[in-house]
C-alpha atoms as a PDB file:
ATOM      1  CA  MET A   1     -13.183  13.001  15.519  1.00  0.00           C
ATOM      2  CA  LEU A   2     -10.424  13.859  13.042  1.00  0.00           C
ATOM      3  CA  LEU A   3      -8.210  11.152  14.526  1.00  0.00           C
ATOM      4  CA  LEU A   4     -10.982   8.587  14.006  1.00  0.00           C
ATOM      5  CA  LEU A   5     -11.362   9.624  10.369  1.00  0.00           C
ATOM      6  CA  VAL A   6      -7.609   9.430   9.743  1.00  0.00           C
ATOM      7  CA  CYS A   7      -7.353   6.008  11.393  1.00  0.00           C
ATOM      8  CA  THR A   8     -10.352   4.718   9.449  1.00  0.00           C
ATOM      9  CA  TYR A   9      -8.852   5.981   6.192  1.00  0.00           C
ATOM     10  CA  TYR A  10      -5.495   4.319   6.832  1.00  0.00           C
ATOM     11  CA  ILE A  11      -7.109   1.039   7.832  1.00  0.00           C
ATOM     12  CA  MET A  12      -9.276   1.019   4.701  1.00  0.00           C
ATOM     13  CA  ILE A  13      -6.519   1.994   2.254  1.00  0.00           C
ATOM     14  CA  ASN A  14      -4.185  -0.631   3.710  1.00  0.00           C
ATOM     15  CA  VAL A  15      -6.851  -3.335   3.415  1.00  0.00           C
ATOM     16  CA  ILE A  16      -7.298  -2.236  -0.196  1.00  0.00           C
ATOM     17  CA  GLY A  17      -3.510  -2.335  -0.749  1.00  0.00           C
ATOM     18  CA  PHE A  18      -3.320  -5.857   0.669  1.00  0.00           C
ATOM     19  CA  ALA A  19      -6.328  -7.013  -1.351  1.00  0.00           C
ATOM     20  CA  THR A  20      -5.056  -5.579  -4.640  1.00  0.00           C
ATOM     21  CA  MET A  21      -1.837  -7.550  -4.278  1.00  0.00           C
ATOM     22  CA  GLY A  22      -3.807 -10.729  -3.651  1.00  0.00           C
ATOM     23  CA  ILE A  23      -6.208 -10.111  -6.520  1.00  0.00           C
ATOM     24  CA  ASP A  24      -3.381  -9.319  -8.936  1.00  0.00           C
ATOM     25  CA  LYS A  25      -1.478 -12.454  -7.886  1.00  0.00           C
ATOM     26  CA  ALA A  26      -4.578 -14.631  -8.411  1.00  0.00           C
ATOM     27  CA  LYS A  27      -5.193 -13.096 -11.821  1.00  0.00           C
ATOM     28  CA  ALA A  28      -1.541 -13.607 -12.783  1.00  0.00           C
ATOM     29  CA  GLN A  29      -1.779 -17.301 -11.909  1.00  0.00           C
ATOM     30  CA  LYS A  30      -4.912 -17.647 -14.063  1.00  0.00           C
ATOM     31  CA  HIS A  31      -3.400 -15.635 -16.948  1.00  0.00           C
ATOM     32  CA  GLN A  32      -6.223 -13.096 -16.715  1.00  0.00           C
ATOM     33  CA  TRP A  33      -6.389  -9.322 -16.957  1.00  0.00           C
ATOM     34  CA  ARG A  34      -4.037  -7.758 -14.405  1.00  0.00           C
ATOM     35  CA  ILE A  35      -4.142  -4.705 -12.199  1.00  0.00           C
ATOM     36  CA  PRO A  36      -1.678  -2.189 -13.679  1.00  0.00           C
ATOM     37  CA  GLU A  37       1.542  -1.700 -11.712  1.00  0.00           C
ATOM     38  CA  ALA A  38       0.841   2.023 -11.594  1.00  0.00           C
ATOM     39  CA  THR A  39      -2.440   1.324  -9.793  1.00  0.00           C
ATOM     40  CA  LEU A  40      -0.733  -0.948  -7.260  1.00  0.00           C
ATOM     41  CA  LEU A  41       1.883   1.726  -6.565  1.00  0.00           C
ATOM     42  CA  LEU A  42      -0.716   4.493  -6.434  1.00  0.00           C
ATOM     43  CA  CYS A  43      -2.532   2.574  -3.727  1.00  0.00           C
ATOM     44  CA  ALA A  44       0.714   2.406  -1.733  1.00  0.00           C
ATOM     45  CA  PHE A  45       1.353   6.142  -2.148  1.00  0.00           C
ATOM     46  CA  LEU A  46      -2.202   7.018  -1.133  1.00  0.00           C
ATOM     47  CA  GLY A  47      -1.416   5.551   2.271  1.00  0.00           C
ATOM     48  CA  GLY A  48      -1.711   1.818   1.686  1.00  0.00           C
ATOM     49  CA  GLY A  49       2.001   1.093   1.724  1.00  0.00           C
ATOM     50  CA  ILE A  50       1.945  -1.162   4.772  1.00  0.00           C
ATOM     51  CA  GLY A  51      -0.940  -3.233   3.411  1.00  0.00           C
ATOM     52  CA  SER A  52       0.729  -3.411   0.003  1.00  0.00           C
ATOM     53  CA  TRP A  53       4.037  -4.461   1.542  1.00  0.00           C
ATOM     54  CA  ILE A  54       2.390  -7.136   3.675  1.00  0.00           C
ATOM     55  CA  GLY A  55       0.430  -8.306   0.620  1.00  0.00           C
ATOM     56  CA  MET A  56       3.606  -8.483  -1.458  1.00  0.00           C
ATOM     57  CA  HIS A  57       5.204 -10.836   1.027  1.00  0.00           C
ATOM     58  CA  PHE A  58       2.080 -12.771   2.006  1.00  0.00           C
ATOM     59  CA  PHE A  59       1.192 -13.542  -1.617  1.00  0.00           C
ATOM     60  CA  HIS A  60       4.829 -13.628  -2.828  1.00  0.00           C
ATOM     61  CA  HIS A  61       3.931 -11.060  -5.459  1.00  0.00           C
ATOM     62  CA  LYS A  62       6.127  -8.354  -7.000  1.00  0.00           C
ATOM     63  CA  THR A  63       8.851  -9.016  -4.425  1.00  0.00           C
ATOM     64  CA  HIS A  64      11.584  -9.208  -7.074  1.00  0.00           C
ATOM     65  CA  LYS A  65      10.604  -6.098  -9.019  1.00  0.00           C
ATOM     66  CA  TRP A  66      12.890  -3.185  -8.186  1.00  0.00           C
ATOM     67  CA  LYS A  67      10.054  -0.656  -8.470  1.00  0.00           C
ATOM     68  CA  PHE A  68       8.141  -2.368  -5.704  1.00  0.00           C
ATOM     69  CA  LYS A  69      11.186  -3.160  -3.576  1.00  0.00           C
ATOM     70  CA  ILE A  70      12.054   0.553  -3.509  1.00  0.00           C
ATOM     71  CA  LEU A  71       8.806   2.472  -3.963  1.00  0.00           C
ATOM     72  CA  VAL A  72       6.514   0.622  -1.548  1.00  0.00           C
ATOM     73  CA  PRO A  73       8.885   1.105   1.428  1.00  0.00           C
ATOM     74  CA  LEU A  74       9.378   4.711   0.298  1.00  0.00           C
ATOM     75  CA  ALA A  75       5.601   5.208   0.382  1.00  0.00           C
ATOM     76  CA  ILE A  76       5.544   3.831   3.930  1.00  0.00           C
ATOM     77  CA  ILE A  77       8.366   6.145   5.030  1.00  0.00           C
ATOM     78  CA  LEU A  78       6.658   9.167   3.456  1.00  0.00           C
ATOM     79  CA  HIS A  79       3.354   8.485   5.185  1.00  0.00           C
ATOM     80  CA  VAL A  80       4.924   7.754   8.560  1.00  0.00           C
ATOM     81  CA  GLY A  81       6.893  10.994   8.238  1.00  0.00           C
ATOM     82  CA  LEU A  82       3.764  12.888   7.220  1.00  0.00           C
ATOM     83  CA  LEU A  83       1.836  11.523  10.186  1.00  0.00           C
ATOM     84  CA  PHE A  84       4.620  12.425  12.627  1.00  0.00           C
ATOM     85  CA  TYR A  85       4.845  15.903  11.130  1.00  0.00           C
ATOM     86  CA  LEU A  86       1.087  16.479  11.327  1.00  0.00           C
ATOM     87  CA  TYR A  87       0.935  15.128  14.869  1.00  0.00           C
ATOM     88  CA  ARG A  88       3.782  17.340  16.000  1.00  0.00           C
ATOM     89  CA  TYR A  89       2.564  20.434  14.159  1.00  0.00           C
ATOM     90  CA  PHE A  90      -1.113  20.186  15.094  1.00  0.00           C
ATOM     91  CA  HIS A  91      -0.894  18.608  18.521  1.00  0.00           C
END
C-alpha cells in the first residue's frame, strides 16, 4: 500500500513539473504573467525533477539558465538517492 502511494505521488508531482514548464513557456511566449522560478524549482525538489527536466527539454524552456541546468538534475539525484536509501533501510 505504501509503495502504491509513493508511486502515485511521484507520478503526480512529475506530471505537475512537466506541466508547469509547458504553462510557463506558453505564458512567456504570450508575454503574460509567469510562474516564478522559485515555484518551478520547488516543484522539482518536491520530487518532480524528472518531469521538470523532461519539460525543460520538450518545451525548450529554461535550458540555458544555470540555476535550472544545475538544480533540476540535483533534485533528481537527491530523490533517487532518497528512494534507494529508503528502499534499502526499510526493505
